[in-house]
Amino acid sequence: MAQVQTQAQPETQEQAKTAYAAFWLYQRNDRWYEIDDIDWSGLKSDTEAVLSDPGEDVTVRGVYSSLGLSAHCDIVIWGVSPVLESLQRFAIAFDKTPIGRHVTMVQSYIGVGGMSLYDPTHGPAFVKGDEAKQYLSVYPFAKTPDWYLVPFEERRRLMIEHGEMGREFPTILTNTVNSFGIQDQEFVVALEDDDPHELIKMVQRLRAAEVRKYTAVDTPIFLGNRKTPDEVFEDLR
């Protein structure tokens, strides 16, 4: 029988590969409707230049159109970097673009992703290098205080059960990042698939997992459709 990890191991073990993820959610502001009076093509090209060259150490995993899919959110930008300061510089650069000045950031979800404490073979798809998919479902997540009082071995059992249920949906990419101490939520969860119906089926299936009773927060949920920046901006024009 394999030896069970002790409580001390997950708290001190260094993760071999980690990266920050930032999900910036924007909504058109009142100035958006002034765009018709100026050069639309110039606005787009100047903004797309920042998205195509986000700066040192930064990768844009996707730009998503949320118009008609999520209220109070029109655009989602997902940036990845091993350095948080690099992500901040990119966010500032976007804010200064012509289109960036016509949208308002309504939410910013940030965290660091690495391999799981409970299953070292499991980690965020973006950390493992998996290609992004068309649809993104992203939301904040937090456990109840009681969860952290449960012995590690029991938490590990519950999380492995949860993971096995998730593996029933092999096309879905999962991305969970830790936000402890830097944002209101404890985690950010991002699910990706080319078929949104698969996302629905998996999340519904996971409602039956025993660990569900320790969930404190898992809303609001934002849905985005991954497109080129030009297509996203044309959606909103």
Protein backbone atom coordinates (compact mmCIF):
# COMPACT_ATOMS: atom_id res chain seq x y z
CA MET A 1 0.00 0.00 0.00
CA ALA A 2 1.33 3.46 -0.89
CA GLN A 3 2.31 5.64 2.02
CA VAL A 4 -0.16 8.40 2.77
CA GLN A 5 1.24 11.95 2.73
CA THR A 6 1.55 13.57 6.12
CA GLN A 7 0.05 16.92 7.02
CA ALA A 8 3.45 18.62 6.96
CA GLN A 9 4.41 17.59 3.43
CA PRO A 10 1.89 19.63 1.41
CA GLU A 11 2.57 22.73 3.49
CA THR A 12 6.31 22.75 2.84
CA GLN A 13 6.68 21.10 -0.56
CA GLU A 14 7.87 23.45 -3.33
CA GLN A 15 5.84 23.26 -6.52
CA ALA A 16 8.06 22.41 -9.49
CA LYS A 17 6.21 24.63 -11.94
CA THR A 18 4.01 27.61 -11.18
CA ALA A 19 2.62 30.64 -12.99
CA TYR A 20 0.29 33.52 -12.23
CA ALA A 21 -3.01 33.81 -14.02
CA ALA A 22 -5.05 37.00 -14.29
CA PHE A 23 -8.61 37.16 -15.56
CA TRP A 24 -9.62 40.76 -16.28
CA LEU A 25 -13.30 41.38 -16.90
CA TYR A 26 -14.32 44.57 -18.69
CA GLN A 27 -17.57 46.31 -19.55
CA ARG A 28 -18.14 49.11 -22.03
CA ASN A 29 -18.44 52.47 -20.30
CA ASP A 30 -20.29 55.61 -21.38
CA ARG A 31 -17.33 56.73 -23.48
CA TRP A 32 -17.66 53.62 -25.67
CA TYR A 33 -20.38 55.25 -27.71
CA GLU A 34 -18.05 58.12 -28.62
CA ILE A 35 -15.99 55.70 -30.75
CA ASP A 36 -18.23 56.21 -33.80
CA ASP A 37 -16.98 59.79 -33.99
CA ILE A 38 -13.31 58.79 -34.34
CA ASP A 39 -11.15 56.35 -36.29
CA TRP A 40 -12.44 52.89 -35.35
CA SER A 41 -9.85 50.98 -37.34
CA GLY A 42 -7.05 52.94 -35.69
CA LEU A 43 -8.48 52.32 -32.25
CA LYS A 44 -8.58 48.58 -32.89
CA SER A 45 -5.11 48.30 -34.39
CA ASP A 46 -3.47 50.26 -31.56
CA THR A 47 -5.20 48.10 -28.95
CA GLU A 48 -4.53 44.84 -30.77
CA ALA A 49 -0.84 45.73 -30.88
CA VAL A 50 -0.70 45.64 -27.08
CA LEU A 51 -2.58 42.33 -26.96
CA SER A 52 -0.26 40.76 -29.53
CA ASP A 53 2.86 42.01 -27.74
CA PRO A 54 1.90 41.96 -24.03
CA GLY A 55 5.44 42.38 -22.79
CA GLU A 56 8.24 40.29 -21.34
CA ASP A 57 7.17 37.04 -19.63
CA VAL A 58 3.46 37.55 -20.44
CA THR A 59 1.27 35.30 -22.57
CA VAL A 60 -2.30 36.15 -23.50
CA ARG A 61 -4.08 32.81 -23.30
CA GLY A 62 -7.28 34.22 -24.68
CA VAL A 63 -9.49 37.22 -25.36
CA TYR A 64 -13.16 36.40 -24.93
CA SER A 65 -16.45 37.99 -25.95
CA SER A 66 -19.04 37.78 -23.18
CA LEU A 67 -21.72 39.94 -24.76
CA GLY A 68 -25.00 38.06 -24.45
CA LEU A 69 -23.37 35.35 -22.33
CA SER A 70 -22.73 37.16 -19.02
CA ALA A 71 -24.35 40.26 -17.60
CA HIS A 72 -22.11 43.14 -16.51
CA CYS A 73 -19.18 41.80 -18.54
CA ASP A 74 -18.41 42.30 -22.23
CA ILE A 75 -14.75 41.28 -22.56
CA VAL A 76 -12.51 38.84 -20.68
CA ILE A 77 -8.72 38.91 -21.07
CA TRP A 78 -6.72 36.01 -19.62
CA GLY A 79 -3.05 36.72 -19.06
CA VAL A 80 -0.38 34.33 -17.78
CA SER A 81 3.10 35.05 -16.45
CA PRO A 82 5.63 33.67 -13.95
CA VAL A 83 5.99 37.24 -12.66
CA LEU A 84 3.00 39.10 -11.19
CA GLU A 85 4.57 42.50 -11.84
CA SER A 86 4.70 41.67 -15.54
CA LEU A 87 0.96 41.02 -15.54
CA GLN A 88 0.37 44.35 -13.82
CA ARG A 89 2.46 46.15 -16.45
CA PHE A 90 0.40 44.50 -19.17
CA ALA A 91 -2.88 45.51 -17.48
CA ILE A 92 -1.63 49.11 -17.26
CA ALA A 93 -0.59 49.07 -20.91
CA PHE A 94 -4.04 47.81 -21.96
CA ASP A 95 -5.71 50.44 -19.78
CA LYS A 96 -3.86 53.13 -21.74
CA THR A 97 -4.90 51.83 -25.17
CA PRO A 98 -7.67 53.60 -27.11
CA ILE A 99 -10.18 50.82 -26.41
CA GLY A 100 -8.89 50.36 -22.87
CA ARG A 101 -9.95 53.94 -22.15
CA HIS A 102 -13.48 53.12 -23.28
CA VAL A 103 -14.03 50.10 -21.00
CA THR A 104 -14.16 49.70 -17.23
CA MET A 105 -12.61 46.79 -15.36
CA VAL A 106 -15.51 45.31 -13.39
CA GLN A 107 -13.58 42.40 -11.86
CA SER A 108 -10.02 41.13 -11.62
CA TYR A 109 -9.37 37.54 -10.58
CA ILE A 110 -5.70 36.75 -9.91
CA GLY A 111 -3.94 33.71 -8.49
CA VAL A 112 -0.95 31.43 -8.82
CA GLY A 113 -1.25 27.95 -10.29
CA GLY A 114 0.87 24.89 -9.62
CA MET A 115 0.47 21.16 -9.24
CA SER A 116 -2.19 20.01 -6.77
CA LEU A 117 -1.39 19.41 -3.11
CA TYR A 118 -3.71 16.41 -3.13
CA ASP A 119 -2.77 14.85 -6.48
CA PRO A 120 0.72 15.75 -7.80
CA THR A 121 -0.26 14.59 -11.29
CA HIS A 122 -2.99 17.21 -11.53
CA GLY A 123 -2.45 20.88 -12.26
CA PRO A 124 -3.85 23.78 -14.28
CA ALA A 125 -4.01 23.19 -18.02
CA PHE A 126 -2.30 26.50 -18.74
CA VAL A 127 0.66 25.51 -16.52
CA LYS A 128 0.96 22.15 -18.26
CA GLY A 129 0.97 23.82 -21.68
CA ASP A 130 -2.40 22.58 -22.99
CA GLU A 131 -3.87 24.60 -25.84
CA ALA A 132 -6.73 26.93 -24.91
CA LYS A 133 -10.27 26.01 -25.94
CA GLN A 134 -13.14 28.09 -27.26
CA TYR A 135 -15.33 28.59 -24.19
CA LEU A 136 -14.17 29.80 -20.78
CA SER A 137 -16.17 29.59 -17.55
CA VAL A 138 -14.44 31.47 -14.72
CA TYR A 139 -15.52 32.11 -11.15
CA PRO A 140 -14.25 32.75 -7.62
CA PHE A 141 -14.18 29.85 -5.17
CA ALA A 142 -13.80 29.49 -1.40
CA LYS A 143 -14.13 26.63 1.07
CA THR A 144 -15.92 26.76 4.41
CA PRO A 145 -13.75 27.33 7.50
CA ASP A 146 -14.51 23.76 8.58
CA TRP A 147 -12.65 22.41 5.55
CA TYR A 148 -9.30 23.50 6.90
CA LEU A 149 -9.95 21.71 10.19
CA VAL A 150 -10.42 18.36 8.45
CA PRO A 151 -7.27 16.15 8.61
CA PHE A 152 -5.20 16.30 5.43
CA GLU A 153 -5.64 12.59 4.66
CA GLU A 154 -9.42 13.01 4.63
CA ARG A 155 -9.25 16.16 2.52
CA ARG A 156 -7.01 14.32 0.08
CA ARG A 157 -9.51 11.43 -0.17
CA LEU A 158 -12.36 13.83 -0.89
CA MET A 159 -10.41 15.77 -3.48
CA ILE A 160 -9.26 12.60 -5.26
CA GLU A 161 -12.89 11.45 -5.43
CA HIS A 162 -13.80 14.85 -6.87
CA GLY A 163 -11.00 14.55 -9.42
CA GLU A 164 -12.07 11.08 -10.51
CA MET A 165 -15.58 12.36 -11.18
CA GLY A 166 -14.13 15.21 -13.24
CA ARG A 167 -12.14 12.75 -15.36
CA GLU A 168 -15.44 11.47 -16.72
CA PHE A 169 -15.27 14.56 -18.97
CA PRO A 170 -11.87 14.26 -20.66
CA THR A 171 -12.30 17.12 -23.13
CA ILE A 172 -12.63 19.73 -20.37
CA LEU A 173 -9.52 21.61 -19.29
CA THR A 174 -9.47 22.63 -15.63
CA ASN A 175 -7.49 25.54 -14.23
CA THR A 176 -7.52 26.29 -10.50
CA VAL A 177 -5.26 28.98 -9.05
CA ASN A 178 -4.67 30.03 -5.44
CA SER A 179 -5.59 33.54 -4.31
CA PHE A 180 -5.10 33.20 -0.55
CA GLY A 181 -4.22 36.54 1.02
CA ILE A 182 -4.12 38.57 -2.19
CA GLN A 183 -7.82 38.63 -3.12
CA ASP A 184 -11.21 38.08 -1.49
CA GLN A 185 -11.62 34.53 -2.82
CA GLU A 186 -9.34 31.61 -1.94
CA PHE A 187 -9.21 30.21 -5.47
CA VAL A 188 -10.13 31.09 -9.03
CA VAL A 189 -11.58 28.25 -11.10
CA ALA A 190 -11.45 28.40 -14.90
CA LEU A 191 -12.96 25.65 -17.03
CA GLU A 192 -12.39 25.38 -20.78
CA ASP A 193 -14.08 23.37 -23.51
CA ASP A 194 -15.14 23.73 -27.11
CA ASP A 195 -18.65 22.53 -26.18
CA PRO A 196 -20.39 24.51 -23.40
CA HIS A 197 -22.81 21.63 -22.90
CA GLU A 198 -19.90 19.56 -21.58
CA LEU A 199 -19.21 22.27 -18.99
CA ILE A 200 -22.82 22.09 -17.85
CA LYS A 201 -22.75 18.31 -17.57
CA MET A 202 -19.50 18.21 -15.61
CA VAL A 203 -20.43 20.88 -13.09
CA GLN A 204 -23.82 19.23 -12.57
CA ARG A 205 -22.09 15.88 -12.04
CA LEU A 206 -19.68 17.36 -9.50
CA ARG A 207 -22.58 18.61 -7.40
CA ALA A 208 -22.85 15.01 -6.16
CA ALA A 209 -19.27 14.97 -4.85
CA GLU A 210 -19.02 14.66 -1.07
CA VAL A 211 -16.57 17.58 -0.93
CA ARG A 212 -19.33 19.86 -2.23
CA LYS A 213 -20.62 20.35 1.32
CA TYR A 214 -17.47 22.33 2.10
CA THR A 215 -18.09 24.90 -0.66
CA ALA A 216 -18.74 28.43 0.62
CA VAL A 217 -18.46 30.51 -2.59
CA ASP A 218 -18.62 29.54 -6.28
CA THR A 219 -20.41 32.49 -7.89
CA PRO A 220 -20.65 34.73 -9.87
CA ILE A 221 -19.85 32.69 -12.96
CA PHE A 222 -18.71 34.41 -16.16
CA LEU A 223 -18.82 32.75 -19.58
CA GLY A 224 -16.72 33.87 -22.53
CA ASN A 225 -16.31 32.86 -26.17
CA ARG A 226 -12.66 32.93 -27.28
CA LYS A 227 -12.12 34.94 -30.46
CA THR A 228 -9.49 37.10 -32.08
CA PRO A 229 -9.28 40.59 -30.57
CA ASP A 230 -10.63 42.02 -33.83
CA GLU A 231 -13.67 39.73 -33.63
CA VAL A 232 -14.25 40.60 -29.97
CA PHE A 233 -14.15 44.34 -30.67
CA GLU A 234 -16.43 43.95 -33.69
CA ASP A 235 -18.95 42.14 -31.47
CA LEU A 236 -19.09 45.20 -29.25
CA ARG A 237 -19.08 47.84 -31.97
